[in-house]
Every structure is written in structure tokens, then in C-alpha cells.
PDB file of N, CA and C in Angstrom:
ATOM      1  N   MET A   1     -91.339 109.830  20.951  1.00  0.00           N
ATOM      2  CA  MET A   1     -92.565 110.315  20.521  1.00  0.00           C
ATOM      3  C   MET A   1     -92.703 111.910  21.026  1.00  0.00           C
ATOM      4  N   GLY A   2     -92.083 112.167  22.092  1.00  0.00           N
ATOM      5  CA  GLY A   2     -92.336 113.474  22.665  1.00  0.00           C
ATOM      6  C   GLY A   2     -92.209 114.546  21.726  1.00  0.00           C
ATOM      7  N   TYR A   3     -90.958 114.573  20.898  1.00  0.00           N
ATOM      8  CA  TYR A   3     -90.817 115.590  19.875  1.00  0.00           C
ATOM      9  C   TYR A   3     -91.911 115.452  18.803  1.00  0.00           C
ATOM     10  N   VAL A   4     -92.287 114.518  18.386  1.00  0.00           N
ATOM     11  CA  VAL A   4     -93.360 114.349  17.410  1.00  0.00           C
ATOM     12  C   VAL A   4     -94.700 115.124  17.910  1.00  0.00           C
ATOM     13  N   TYR A   5     -95.038 114.688  19.122  1.00  0.00           N
ATOM     14  CA  TYR A   5     -96.187 115.396  19.765  1.00  0.00           C
ATOM     15  C   TYR A   5     -96.004 116.795  19.802  1.00  0.00           C
ATOM     16  N   LEU A   6     -94.781 117.226  20.170  1.00  0.00           N
ATOM     17  CA  LEU A   6     -94.348 118.723  20.327  1.00  0.00           C
ATOM     18  C   LEU A   6     -94.584 119.315  19.116  1.00  0.00           C
ATOM     19  N   ALA A   7     -94.181 118.766  17.996  1.00  0.00           N
ATOM     20  CA  ALA A   7     -94.251 119.348  16.658  1.00  0.00           C
ATOM     21  C   ALA A   7     -95.795 119.563  16.311  1.00  0.00           C
ATOM     22  N   ILE A   8     -96.500 118.488  16.588  1.00  0.00           N
ATOM     23  CA  ILE A   8     -97.938 118.477  16.255  1.00  0.00           C
ATOM     24  C   ILE A   8     -98.621 119.669  17.057  1.00  0.00           C
ATOM     25  N   ALA A   9     -98.120 120.008  18.447  1.00  0.00           N
ATOM     26  CA  ALA A   9     -98.845 120.859  19.241  1.00  0.00           C
ATOM     27  C   ALA A   9     -98.481 122.273  18.693  1.00  0.00           C
ATOM     28  N   ILE A  10     -97.179 122.427  18.140  1.00  0.00           N
ATOM     29  CA  ILE A  10     -96.768 123.620  17.709  1.00  0.00           C
ATOM     30  C   ILE A  10     -97.469 124.059  16.386  1.00  0.00           C
ATOM     31  N   VAL A  11     -97.555 123.070  15.549  1.00  0.00           N
ATOM     32  CA  VAL A  11     -98.459 123.341  14.187  1.00  0.00           C
ATOM     33  C   VAL A  11     -99.727 123.654  14.413  1.00  0.00           C
ATOM     34  N   ALA A  12    -100.410 122.928  15.299  1.00  0.00           N
ATOM     35  CA  ALA A  12    -101.800 123.163  15.732  1.00  0.00           C
ATOM     36  C   ALA A  12    -101.908 124.547  16.333  1.00  0.00           C
ATOM     37  N   GLU A  13    -100.981 124.928  17.259  1.00  0.00           N
ATOM     38  CA  GLU A  13    -101.178 126.355  17.827  1.00  0.00           C
ATOM     39  C   GLU A  13    -100.911 127.386  16.723  1.00  0.00           C
ATOM     40  N   VAL A  14    -100.102 127.172  15.843  1.00  0.00           N
ATOM     41  CA  VAL A  14     -99.848 128.173  14.649  1.00  0.00           C
ATOM     42  C   VAL A  14    -101.187 128.213  13.911  1.00  0.00           C
ATOM     43  N   ILE A  15    -101.675 127.011  13.550  1.00  0.00           N
ATOM     44  CA  ILE A  15    -102.901 126.927  12.716  1.00  0.00           C
ATOM     45  C   ILE A  15    -104.231 127.798  13.672  1.00  0.00           C
ATOM     46  N   GLY A  16    -104.194 127.491  14.970  1.00  0.00           N
ATOM     47  CA  GLY A  16    -105.204 128.282  15.632  1.00  0.00           C
ATOM     48  C   GLY A  16    -104.920 129.692  15.784  1.00  0.00           C
ATOM     49  N   THR A  17    -103.658 130.176  15.962  1.00  0.00           N
ATOM     50  CA  THR A  17    -103.459 131.539  15.878  1.00  0.00           C
ATOM     51  C   THR A  17    -103.704 132.148  14.642  1.00  0.00           C
ATOM     52  N   THR A  18    -103.409 131.536  13.585  1.00  0.00           N
ATOM     53  CA  THR A  18    -103.705 132.082  12.137  1.00  0.00           C
ATOM     54  C   THR A  18    -105.364 132.154  11.890  1.00  0.00           C
ATOM     55  N   ALA A  19    -105.980 131.163  12.403  1.00  0.00           N
ATOM     56  CA  ALA A  19    -107.369 131.208  12.198  1.00  0.00           C
ATOM     57  C   ALA A  19    -108.002 132.403  13.070  1.00  0.00           C
ATOM     58  N   LEU A  20    -107.293 132.632  14.347  1.00  0.00           N
ATOM     59  CA  LEU A  20    -107.777 133.809  15.201  1.00  0.00           C
ATOM     60  C   LEU A  20    -107.752 134.904  14.272  1.00  0.00           C
ATOM     61  N   LYS A  21    -106.711 135.260  13.645  1.00  0.00           N
ATOM     62  CA  LYS A  21    -106.616 136.462  12.850  1.00  0.00           C
ATOM     63  C   LYS A  21    -107.579 136.481  11.783  1.00  0.00           C
ATOM     64  N   ALA A  22    -107.830 135.238  11.133  1.00  0.00           N
ATOM     65  CA  ALA A  22    -108.677 135.270   9.931  1.00  0.00           C
ATOM     66  C   ALA A  22    -110.273 135.320  10.410  1.00  0.00           C
ATOM     67  N   SER A  23    -110.498 135.047  11.709  1.00  0.00           N
ATOM     68  CA  SER A  23    -111.832 134.959  12.350  1.00  0.00           C
ATOM     69  C   SER A  23    -112.438 136.422  12.411  1.00  0.00           C
ATOM     70  N   GLU A  24    -111.594 137.379  12.236  1.00  0.00           N
ATOM     71  CA  GLU A  24    -112.086 138.746  12.486  1.00  0.00           C
ATOM     72  C   GLU A  24    -112.887 138.880  13.741  1.00  0.00           C
ATOM     73  N   GLU A  25    -112.297 138.684  14.823  1.00  0.00           N
ATOM     74  CA  GLU A  25    -112.861 138.897  16.089  1.00  0.00           C
ATOM     75  C   GLU A  25    -114.179 137.913  16.293  1.00  0.00           C
ATOM     76  N   PHE A  26    -113.962 136.728  15.797  1.00  0.00           N
ATOM     77  CA  PHE A  26    -114.920 135.644  15.904  1.00  0.00           C
ATOM     78  C   PHE A  26    -116.360 135.960  15.190  1.00  0.00           C
ATOM     79  N   THR A  27    -116.291 136.863  14.105  1.00  0.00           N
ATOM     80  CA  THR A  27    -117.288 137.350  13.318  1.00  0.00           C
ATOM     81  C   THR A  27    -117.558 136.268  12.125  1.00  0.00           C
ATOM     82  N   ARG A  28    -116.452 135.597  11.737  1.00  0.00           N
ATOM     83  CA  ARG A  28    -116.381 134.574  10.741  1.00  0.00           C
ATOM     84  C   ARG A  28    -116.517 133.173  11.343  1.00  0.00           C
ATOM     85  N   PRO A  29    -117.442 132.272  11.027  1.00  0.00           N
ATOM     86  CA  PRO A  29    -117.670 131.053  11.661  1.00  0.00           C
ATOM     87  C   PRO A  29    -116.626 129.849  11.165  1.00  0.00           C
ATOM     88  N   ILE A  30    -116.129 129.772  10.174  1.00  0.00           N
ATOM     89  CA  ILE A  30    -115.255 128.814   9.857  1.00  0.00           C
ATOM     90  C   ILE A  30    -113.834 128.911  10.344  1.00  0.00           C
ATOM     91  N   PRO A  31    -113.307 130.180  10.362  1.00  0.00           N
ATOM     92  CA  PRO A  31    -112.002 130.448  11.189  1.00  0.00           C
ATOM     93  C   PRO A  31    -112.191 130.491  12.512  1.00  0.00           C
ATOM     94  N   SER A  32    -113.361 130.635  13.091  1.00  0.00           N
ATOM     95  CA  SER A  32    -113.662 130.673  14.538  1.00  0.00           C
ATOM     96  C   SER A  32    -113.656 129.253  15.107  1.00  0.00           C
ATOM     97  N   ILE A  33    -114.087 128.330  14.229  1.00  0.00           N
ATOM     98  CA  ILE A  33    -114.159 126.855  14.661  1.00  0.00           C
ATOM     99  C   ILE A  33    -112.590 126.402  14.625  1.00  0.00           C
ATOM    100  N   GLY A  34    -111.885 127.021  13.504  1.00  0.00           N
ATOM    101  CA  GLY A  34    -110.418 126.513  13.406  1.00  0.00           C
ATOM    102  C   GLY A  34    -109.552 127.069  14.580  1.00  0.00           C
ATOM    103  N   VAL A  35    -109.957 128.205  15.200  1.00  0.00           N
ATOM    104  CA  VAL A  35    -109.341 128.589  16.573  1.00  0.00           C
ATOM    105  C   VAL A  35    -109.496 127.531  17.631  1.00  0.00           C
ATOM    106  N   VAL A  36    -110.795 127.222  17.913  1.00  0.00           N
ATOM    107  CA  VAL A  36    -111.088 126.322  18.879  1.00  0.00           C
ATOM    108  C   VAL A  36    -110.399 124.859  18.502  1.00  0.00           C
ATOM    109  N   VAL A  37    -110.490 124.302  17.320  1.00  0.00           N
ATOM    110  CA  VAL A  37    -109.941 123.071  16.979  1.00  0.00           C
ATOM    111  C   VAL A  37    -108.448 123.319  17.216  1.00  0.00           C
ATOM    112  N   GLY A  38    -107.758 124.300  16.678  1.00  0.00           N
ATOM    113  CA  GLY A  38    -106.274 124.311  16.844  1.00  0.00           C
ATOM    114  C   GLY A  38    -105.858 124.336  17.983  1.00  0.00           C
ATOM    115  N   TYR A  39    -106.506 125.245  19.004  1.00  0.00           N
ATOM    116  CA  TYR A  39    -105.868 125.227  20.413  1.00  0.00           C
ATOM    117  C   TYR A  39    -106.241 123.998  21.162  1.00  0.00           C
ATOM    118  N   VAL A  40    -107.355 123.306  20.844  1.00  0.00           N
ATOM    119  CA  VAL A  40    -107.610 122.111  21.548  1.00  0.00           C
ATOM    120  C   VAL A  40    -106.697 120.964  21.287  1.00  0.00           C
ATOM    121  N   VAL A  41    -106.456 120.997  19.981  1.00  0.00           N
ATOM    122  CA  VAL A  41    -105.389 119.901  19.302  1.00  0.00           C
ATOM    123  C   VAL A  41    -104.120 120.328  20.039  1.00  0.00           C
ATOM    124  N   SER A  42    -103.768 121.479  19.996  1.00  0.00           N
ATOM    125  CA  SER A  42    -102.382 121.900  20.518  1.00  0.00           C
ATOM    126  C   SER A  42    -102.182 121.675  21.939  1.00  0.00           C
ATOM    127  N   PHE A  43    -103.110 122.076  22.734  1.00  0.00           N
ATOM    128  CA  PHE A  43    -103.021 121.562  24.273  1.00  0.00           C
ATOM    129  C   PHE A  43    -103.170 120.173  24.541  1.00  0.00           C
ATOM    130  N   TYR A  44    -103.871 119.584  23.864  1.00  0.00           N
ATOM    131  CA  TYR A  44    -103.845 118.035  24.001  1.00  0.00           C
ATOM    132  C   TYR A  44    -102.629 117.467  23.749  1.00  0.00           C
ATOM    133  N   PHE A  45    -101.890 117.755  22.656  1.00  0.00           N
ATOM    134  CA  PHE A  45    -100.478 117.157  22.330  1.00  0.00           C
ATOM    135  C   PHE A  45     -99.422 117.718  23.226  1.00  0.00           C
ATOM    136  N   LEU A  46     -99.655 118.958  23.813  1.00  0.00           N
ATOM    137  CA  LEU A  46     -98.666 119.621  24.531  1.00  0.00           C
ATOM    138  C   LEU A  46     -98.902 118.777  25.979  1.00  0.00           C
ATOM    139  N   SER A  47    -100.009 118.268  26.390  1.00  0.00           N
ATOM    140  CA  SER A  47    -100.013 117.469  27.548  1.00  0.00           C
ATOM    141  C   SER A  47     -99.394 116.331  27.376  1.00  0.00           C
ATOM    142  N   LEU A  48     -99.576 115.628  26.363  1.00  0.00           N
ATOM    143  CA  LEU A  48     -98.809 114.329  26.117  1.00  0.00           C
ATOM    144  C   LEU A  48     -97.235 114.582  26.019  1.00  0.00           C
ATOM    145  N   VAL A  49     -96.846 115.763  25.595  1.00  0.00           N
ATOM    146  CA  VAL A  49     -95.343 115.920  25.566  1.00  0.00           C
ATOM    147  C   VAL A  49     -94.810 115.911  27.007  1.00  0.00           C
ATOM    148  N   LEU A  50     -95.601 116.486  27.908  1.00  0.00           N
ATOM    149  CA  LEU A  50     -95.106 116.567  29.294  1.00  0.00           C
ATOM    150  C   LEU A  50     -94.965 115.303  30.097  1.00  0.00           C
ATOM    151  N   LYS A  51     -95.298 114.234  29.396  1.00  0.00           N
ATOM    152  CA  LYS A  51     -95.076 112.890  29.874  1.00  0.00           C
ATOM    153  C   LYS A  51     -93.606 112.511  29.909  1.00  0.00           C
ATOM    154  N   THR A  52     -92.833 113.064  28.702  1.00  0.00           N
ATOM    155  CA  THR A  52     -91.487 112.764  28.354  1.00  0.00           C
ATOM    156  C   THR A  52     -90.532 113.876  28.339  1.00  0.00           C
ATOM    157  N   ILE A  53     -90.961 115.033  28.245  1.00  0.00           N
ATOM    158  CA  ILE A  53     -90.002 116.199  28.202  1.00  0.00           C
ATOM    159  C   ILE A  53     -90.382 117.240  29.326  1.00  0.00           C
ATOM    160  N   PRO A  54     -89.566 117.712  30.187  1.00  0.00           N
ATOM    161  CA  PRO A  54     -89.742 118.606  31.198  1.00  0.00           C
ATOM    162  C   PRO A  54     -90.552 119.950  30.781  1.00  0.00           C
ATOM    163  N   ILE A  55     -91.441 120.268  31.614  1.00  0.00           N
ATOM    164  CA  ILE A  55     -92.240 121.273  31.188  1.00  0.00           C
ATOM    165  C   ILE A  55     -91.777 122.672  30.876  1.00  0.00           C
ATOM    166  N   GLY A  56     -90.620 123.083  31.491  1.00  0.00           N
ATOM    167  CA  GLY A  56     -90.042 124.122  31.088  1.00  0.00           C
ATOM    168  C   GLY A  56     -89.403 124.224  29.860  1.00  0.00           C
ATOM    169  N   VAL A  57     -88.800 123.023  29.436  1.00  0.00           N
ATOM    170  CA  VAL A  57     -88.140 122.766  28.080  1.00  0.00           C
ATOM    171  C   VAL A  57     -89.147 122.793  26.970  1.00  0.00           C
ATOM    172  N   ALA A  58     -90.354 121.800  27.222  1.00  0.00           N
ATOM    173  CA  ALA A  58     -91.397 121.978  26.338  1.00  0.00           C
ATOM    174  C   ALA A  58     -92.062 123.204  25.920  1.00  0.00           C
ATOM    175  N   TYR A  59     -92.288 123.917  27.090  1.00  0.00           N
ATOM    176  CA  TYR A  59     -92.982 125.332  26.966  1.00  0.00           C
ATOM    177  C   TYR A  59     -92.039 126.203  26.195  1.00  0.00           C
ATOM    178  N   ALA A  60     -90.778 126.175  26.410  1.00  0.00           N
ATOM    179  CA  ALA A  60     -89.949 127.135  25.843  1.00  0.00           C
ATOM    180  C   ALA A  60     -89.740 126.808  24.281  1.00  0.00           C
ATOM    181  N   ILE A  61     -89.817 125.592  23.976  1.00  0.00           N
ATOM    182  CA  ILE A  61     -89.677 125.128  22.470  1.00  0.00           C
ATOM    183  C   ILE A  61     -90.980 125.477  21.892  1.00  0.00           C
ATOM    184  N   TRP A  62     -92.140 125.170  22.546  1.00  0.00           N
ATOM    185  CA  TRP A  62     -93.338 125.276  22.029  1.00  0.00           C
ATOM    186  C   TRP A  62     -93.762 126.826  21.712  1.00  0.00           C
ATOM    187  N   SER A  63     -93.479 127.637  22.795  1.00  0.00           N
ATOM    188  CA  SER A  63     -93.674 129.023  22.452  1.00  0.00           C
ATOM    189  C   SER A  63     -92.715 129.686  21.678  1.00  0.00           C
ATOM    190  N   GLY A  64     -91.465 129.282  21.603  1.00  0.00           N
ATOM    191  CA  GLY A  64     -90.398 130.019  20.826  1.00  0.00           C
ATOM    192  C   GLY A  64     -90.682 129.561  19.455  1.00  0.00           C
ATOM    193  N   LEU A  65     -90.777 128.448  19.086  1.00  0.00           N
ATOM    194  CA  LEU A  65     -90.923 128.243  17.683  1.00  0.00           C
ATOM    195  C   LEU A  65     -92.404 128.615  17.204  1.00  0.00           C
ATOM    196  N   GLY A  66     -93.307 128.503  17.951  1.00  0.00           N
ATOM    197  CA  GLY A  66     -94.552 129.263  17.702  1.00  0.00           C
ATOM    198  C   GLY A  66     -94.622 130.610  17.295  1.00  0.00           C
ATOM    199  N   ILE A  67     -93.707 131.354  18.139  1.00  0.00           N
ATOM    200  CA  ILE A  67     -93.707 132.790  17.828  1.00  0.00           C
ATOM    201  C   ILE A  67     -92.946 132.958  16.370  1.00  0.00           C
ATOM    202  N   VAL A  68     -91.907 132.341  16.141  1.00  0.00           N
ATOM    203  CA  VAL A  68     -91.135 132.320  14.754  1.00  0.00           C
ATOM    204  C   VAL A  68     -92.115 131.868  13.767  1.00  0.00           C
ATOM    205  N   LEU A  69     -92.921 130.893  13.935  1.00  0.00           N
ATOM    206  CA  LEU A  69     -93.650 130.385  12.852  1.00  0.00           C
ATOM    207  C   LEU A  69     -94.861 131.287  12.550  1.00  0.00           C
ATOM    208  N   ILE A  70     -95.465 131.743  13.501  1.00  0.00           N
ATOM    209  CA  ILE A  70     -96.541 132.714  13.359  1.00  0.00           C
ATOM    210  C   ILE A  70     -96.249 134.046  12.708  1.00  0.00           C
ATOM    211  N   THR A  71     -94.906 134.399  13.166  1.00  0.00           N
ATOM    212  CA  THR A  71     -94.473 135.733  12.427  1.00  0.00           C
ATOM    213  C   THR A  71     -94.356 135.318  10.939  1.00  0.00           C
ATOM    214  N   LEU A  72     -93.748 134.203  10.583  1.00  0.00           N
ATOM    215  CA  LEU A  72     -93.653 134.026   9.277  1.00  0.00           C
ATOM    216  C   LEU A  72     -94.931 133.767   8.472  1.00  0.00           C
ATOM    217  N   VAL A  73     -95.819 133.189   9.178  1.00  0.00           N
ATOM    218  CA  VAL A  73     -97.318 133.054   8.450  1.00  0.00           C
ATOM    219  C   VAL A  73     -97.984 134.790   8.324  1.00  0.00           C
ATOM    220  N   GLY A  74     -97.609 135.384   9.428  1.00  0.00           N
ATOM    221  CA  GLY A  74     -98.014 136.760   9.192  1.00  0.00           C
ATOM    222  C   GLY A  74     -97.334 137.531   7.977  1.00  0.00           C
ATOM    223  N   PHE A  75     -96.329 137.227   7.760  1.00  0.00           N
ATOM    224  CA  PHE A  75     -95.278 137.733   6.715  1.00  0.00           C
ATOM    225  C   PHE A  75     -95.955 137.271   5.367  1.00  0.00           C
ATOM    226  N   PHE A  76     -96.082 136.001   5.129  1.00  0.00           N
ATOM    227  CA  PHE A  76     -96.386 135.334   3.954  1.00  0.00           C
ATOM    228  C   PHE A  76     -97.982 135.447   3.633  1.00  0.00           C
ATOM    229  N   VAL A  77     -98.761 135.319   4.632  1.00  0.00           N
ATOM    230  CA  VAL A  77    -100.255 135.063   4.390  1.00  0.00           C
ATOM    231  C   VAL A  77    -100.891 136.426   4.677  1.00  0.00           C
ATOM    232  N   PHE A  78    -100.430 137.222   5.583  1.00  0.00           N
ATOM    233  CA  PHE A  78    -101.246 138.495   5.872  1.00  0.00           C
ATOM    234  C   PHE A  78    -100.335 139.791   5.463  1.00  0.00           C
ATOM    235  N   ASN A  79     -99.270 139.507   4.821  1.00  0.00           N
ATOM    236  CA  ASN A  79     -98.403 140.584   4.271  1.00  0.00           C
ATOM    237  C   ASN A  79     -97.983 141.587   5.337  1.00  0.00           C
ATOM    238  N   GLN A  80     -97.611 140.998   6.539  1.00  0.00           N
ATOM    239  CA  GLN A  80     -97.182 141.890   7.639  1.00  0.00           C
ATOM    240  C   GLN A  80     -95.639 141.966   7.487  1.00  0.00           C
ATOM    241  N   LYS A  81     -95.166 143.152   7.868  1.00  0.00           N
ATOM    242  CA  LYS A  81     -93.708 143.459   7.696  1.00  0.00           C
ATOM    243  C   LYS A  81     -92.873 142.979   8.854  1.00  0.00           C
ATOM    244  N   ILE A  82     -91.628 142.391   8.667  1.00  0.00           N
ATOM    245  CA  ILE A  82     -90.811 142.112   9.588  1.00  0.00           C
ATOM    246  C   ILE A  82     -89.576 142.941   9.666  1.00  0.00           C
ATOM    247  N   ASP A  83     -89.286 143.697  10.522  1.00  0.00           N
ATOM    248  CA  ASP A  83     -88.079 144.573  10.616  1.00  0.00           C
ATOM    249  C   ASP A  83     -87.027 143.949  11.077  1.00  0.00           C
ATOM    250  N   ALA A  84     -85.779 144.630  11.097  1.00  0.00           N
ATOM    251  CA  ALA A  84     -84.513 144.064  11.588  1.00  0.00           C
ATOM    252  C   ALA A  84     -84.495 143.649  12.951  1.00  0.00           C
ATOM    253  N   PRO A  85     -85.032 144.582  13.854  1.00  0.00           N
ATOM    254  CA  PRO A  85     -85.172 144.053  15.337  1.00  0.00           C
ATOM    255  C   PRO A  85     -85.924 142.710  15.499  1.00  0.00           C
ATOM    256  N   ALA A  86     -86.995 142.716  14.775  1.00  0.00           N
ATOM    257  CA  ALA A  86     -87.899 141.429  14.906  1.00  0.00           C
ATOM    258  C   ALA A  86     -86.984 140.172  14.452  1.00  0.00           C
ATOM    259  N   MET A  87     -86.213 140.378  13.455  1.00  0.00           N
ATOM    260  CA  MET A  87     -85.495 139.296  12.833  1.00  0.00           C
ATOM    261  C   MET A  87     -84.292 138.873  13.784  1.00  0.00           C
ATOM    262  N   ILE A  88     -83.793 139.912  14.279  1.00  0.00           N
ATOM    263  CA  ILE A  88     -82.808 139.621  15.272  1.00  0.00           C
ATOM    264  C   ILE A  88     -83.378 138.825  16.649  1.00  0.00           C
ATOM    265  N   GLY A  89     -84.429 139.330  17.004  1.00  0.00           N
ATOM    266  CA  GLY A  89     -85.147 138.645  18.160  1.00  0.00           C
ATOM    267  C   GLY A  89     -85.510 137.386  17.975  1.00  0.00           C
ATOM    268  N   MET A  90     -86.068 137.035  16.637  1.00  0.00           N
ATOM    269  CA  MET A  90     -86.496 135.635  16.334  1.00  0.00           C
ATOM    270  C   MET A  90     -85.226 134.803  16.313  1.00  0.00           C
ATOM    271  N   SER A  91     -84.019 135.357  15.642  1.00  0.00           N
ATOM    272  CA  SER A  91     -82.793 134.646  15.674  1.00  0.00           C
ATOM    273  C   SER A  91     -82.214 134.212  16.945  1.00  0.00           C
ATOM    274  N   LEU A  92     -82.410 134.993  17.963  1.00  0.00           N
ATOM    275  CA  LEU A  92     -82.113 134.693  19.314  1.00  0.00           C
ATOM    276  C   LEU A  92     -82.919 133.619  19.819  1.00  0.00           C
ATOM    277  N   ILE A  93     -84.290 133.735  19.412  1.00  0.00           N
ATOM    278  CA  ILE A  93     -85.186 132.766  20.084  1.00  0.00           C
ATOM    279  C   ILE A  93     -84.740 131.388  19.661  1.00  0.00           C
ATOM    280  N   ILE A  94     -84.398 131.275  18.260  1.00  0.00           N
ATOM    281  CA  ILE A  94     -83.972 129.999  17.610  1.00  0.00           C
ATOM    282  C   ILE A  94     -82.659 129.594  18.198  1.00  0.00           C
ATOM    283  N   CYS A  95     -81.772 130.530  18.380  1.00  0.00           N
ATOM    284  CA  CYS A  95     -80.552 130.169  18.982  1.00  0.00           C
ATOM    285  C   CYS A  95     -80.801 129.488  20.540  1.00  0.00           C
ATOM    286  N   GLY A  96     -81.648 130.200  21.310  1.00  0.00           N
ATOM    287  CA  GLY A  96     -81.962 129.738  22.646  1.00  0.00           C
ATOM    288  C   GLY A  96     -82.489 128.269  22.529  1.00  0.00           C
ATOM    289  N   VAL A  97     -83.452 128.075  21.625  1.00  0.00           N
ATOM    290  CA  VAL A  97     -83.948 126.585  21.466  1.00  0.00           C
ATOM    291  C   VAL A  97     -82.839 125.729  21.159  1.00  0.00           C
ATOM    292  N   ILE A  98     -82.101 126.047  20.222  1.00  0.00           N
ATOM    293  CA  ILE A  98     -81.007 125.195  19.888  1.00  0.00           C
ATOM    294  C   ILE A  98     -79.931 124.848  21.023  1.00  0.00           C
ATOM    295  N   ILE A  99     -79.739 126.007  21.668  1.00  0.00           N
ATOM    296  CA  ILE A  99     -78.777 125.762  22.906  1.00  0.00           C
ATOM    297  C   ILE A  99     -79.336 124.893  24.002  1.00  0.00           C
ATOM    298  N   MET A 100     -80.624 125.029  24.215  1.00  0.00           N
ATOM    299  CA  MET A 100     -81.406 124.223  25.139  1.00  0.00           C
ATOM    300  C   MET A 100     -81.312 122.797  24.763  1.00  0.00           C
ATOM    301  N   ASN A 101     -81.471 122.401  23.611  1.00  0.00           N
ATOM    302  CA  ASN A 101     -81.509 121.117  23.088  1.00  0.00           C
ATOM    303  C   ASN A 101     -80.262 120.486  22.819  1.00  0.00           C
ATOM    304  N   VAL A 102     -79.165 121.391  22.621  1.00  0.00           N
ATOM    305  CA  VAL A 102     -77.843 120.630  22.468  1.00  0.00           C
ATOM    306  C   VAL A 102     -77.117 120.667  23.670  1.00  0.00           C
ATOM    307  N   PHE A 103     -77.087 121.597  24.461  1.00  0.00           N
ATOM    308  CA  PHE A 103     -76.225 121.578  25.775  1.00  0.00           C
ATOM    309  C   PHE A 103     -77.072 121.423  27.071  1.00  0.00           C
ATOM    310  N   SER A 104     -78.233 121.557  27.136  1.00  0.00           N
ATOM    311  CA  SER A 104     -79.013 121.407  28.501  1.00  0.00           C
ATOM    312  C   SER A 104     -78.918 120.037  28.826  1.00  0.00           C
ATOM    313  N   ARG A 105     -78.793 119.555  30.053  1.00  0.00           N
ATOM    314  CA  ARG A 105     -78.952 118.433  30.741  1.00  0.00           C
ATOM    315  C   ARG A 105     -80.454 118.289  31.091  1.00  0.00           C
ATOM    316  N   SER A 106     -81.267 119.054  31.024  1.00  0.00           N
ATOM    317  CA  SER A 106     -82.794 119.212  31.428  1.00  0.00           C
ATOM    318  C   SER A 106     -83.431 118.461  29.933  1.00  0.00           C
ATOM    319  N   VAL A 107     -82.886 118.531  28.942  1.00  0.00           N
ATOM    320  CA  VAL A 107     -83.477 118.009  27.726  1.00  0.00           C
ATOM    321  C   VAL A 107     -83.399 116.452  27.791  1.00  0.00           C
ATOM    322  N   VAL A 108     -84.511 115.824  27.432  1.00  0.00           N
ATOM    323  CA  VAL A 108     -84.506 114.493  27.289  1.00  0.00           C
ATOM    324  C   VAL A 108     -84.346 114.204  25.910  1.00  0.00           C
ATOM    325  N   HIS A 109     -83.385 113.217  25.466  1.00  0.00           N
ATOM    326  CA  HIS A 109     -83.204 112.810  24.077  1.00  0.00           C
ATOM    327  C   HIS A 109     -83.454 111.512  24.043  1.00  0.00           C
TER     328      HIS A 109
END
């Protein structure tokens, strides 16, 4: 269940961060509520993850995949450009997450 909870935490964090952009500095009430709900849900599920997955591994996956997903949201929803160095950096983040999950003895399967 740890990885299911981690996926929920990541998606909730991406929703919260997307709502943060849409809230326009907390001047729009509905997106502002989305920020709070998104982050509360994210941290709650992240706390559940820590029962079964080591904190360093969980946080690396949570933050790494969150970076990649929120960058994609920025591209598709907010029309933000992604240049080659950003794509290379995100590829390295994804490679790091894969390496941790495939080769690390710290990761619980």
C-alpha cells in the first residue's frame, strides 16, 4: 500500500501546486481552497507512506516525480516553455528514481 499512498500524495501535491498558481497569490477563493486541500491530503498520505518506505526514498520519489509532473502541468495548462536543459534535468530525475527503485537495497518492495 505504501506506493499507492505515495502516488496519491504526489498527485495531491501536484494539484495543490497547480491550484497555487491558479490562486493568483491567494486572491481567488476556489483555487486557494484547492491549495490547502491538496497539500493537506498530500502530507497526510506522505505520512502514511513513511510507515513502510524509508523517508529518504519516499521523499526522493515524492519530490522528484512531483517536479516532473508539475513541469508537465505548467507546459500543458499554463503554456510554460520547457527548454532542453530542463528536459535533460527532468530525465536525470526520472533516471534517479528508477535507479533507486531497481538497484537500492533501501527501497522496500
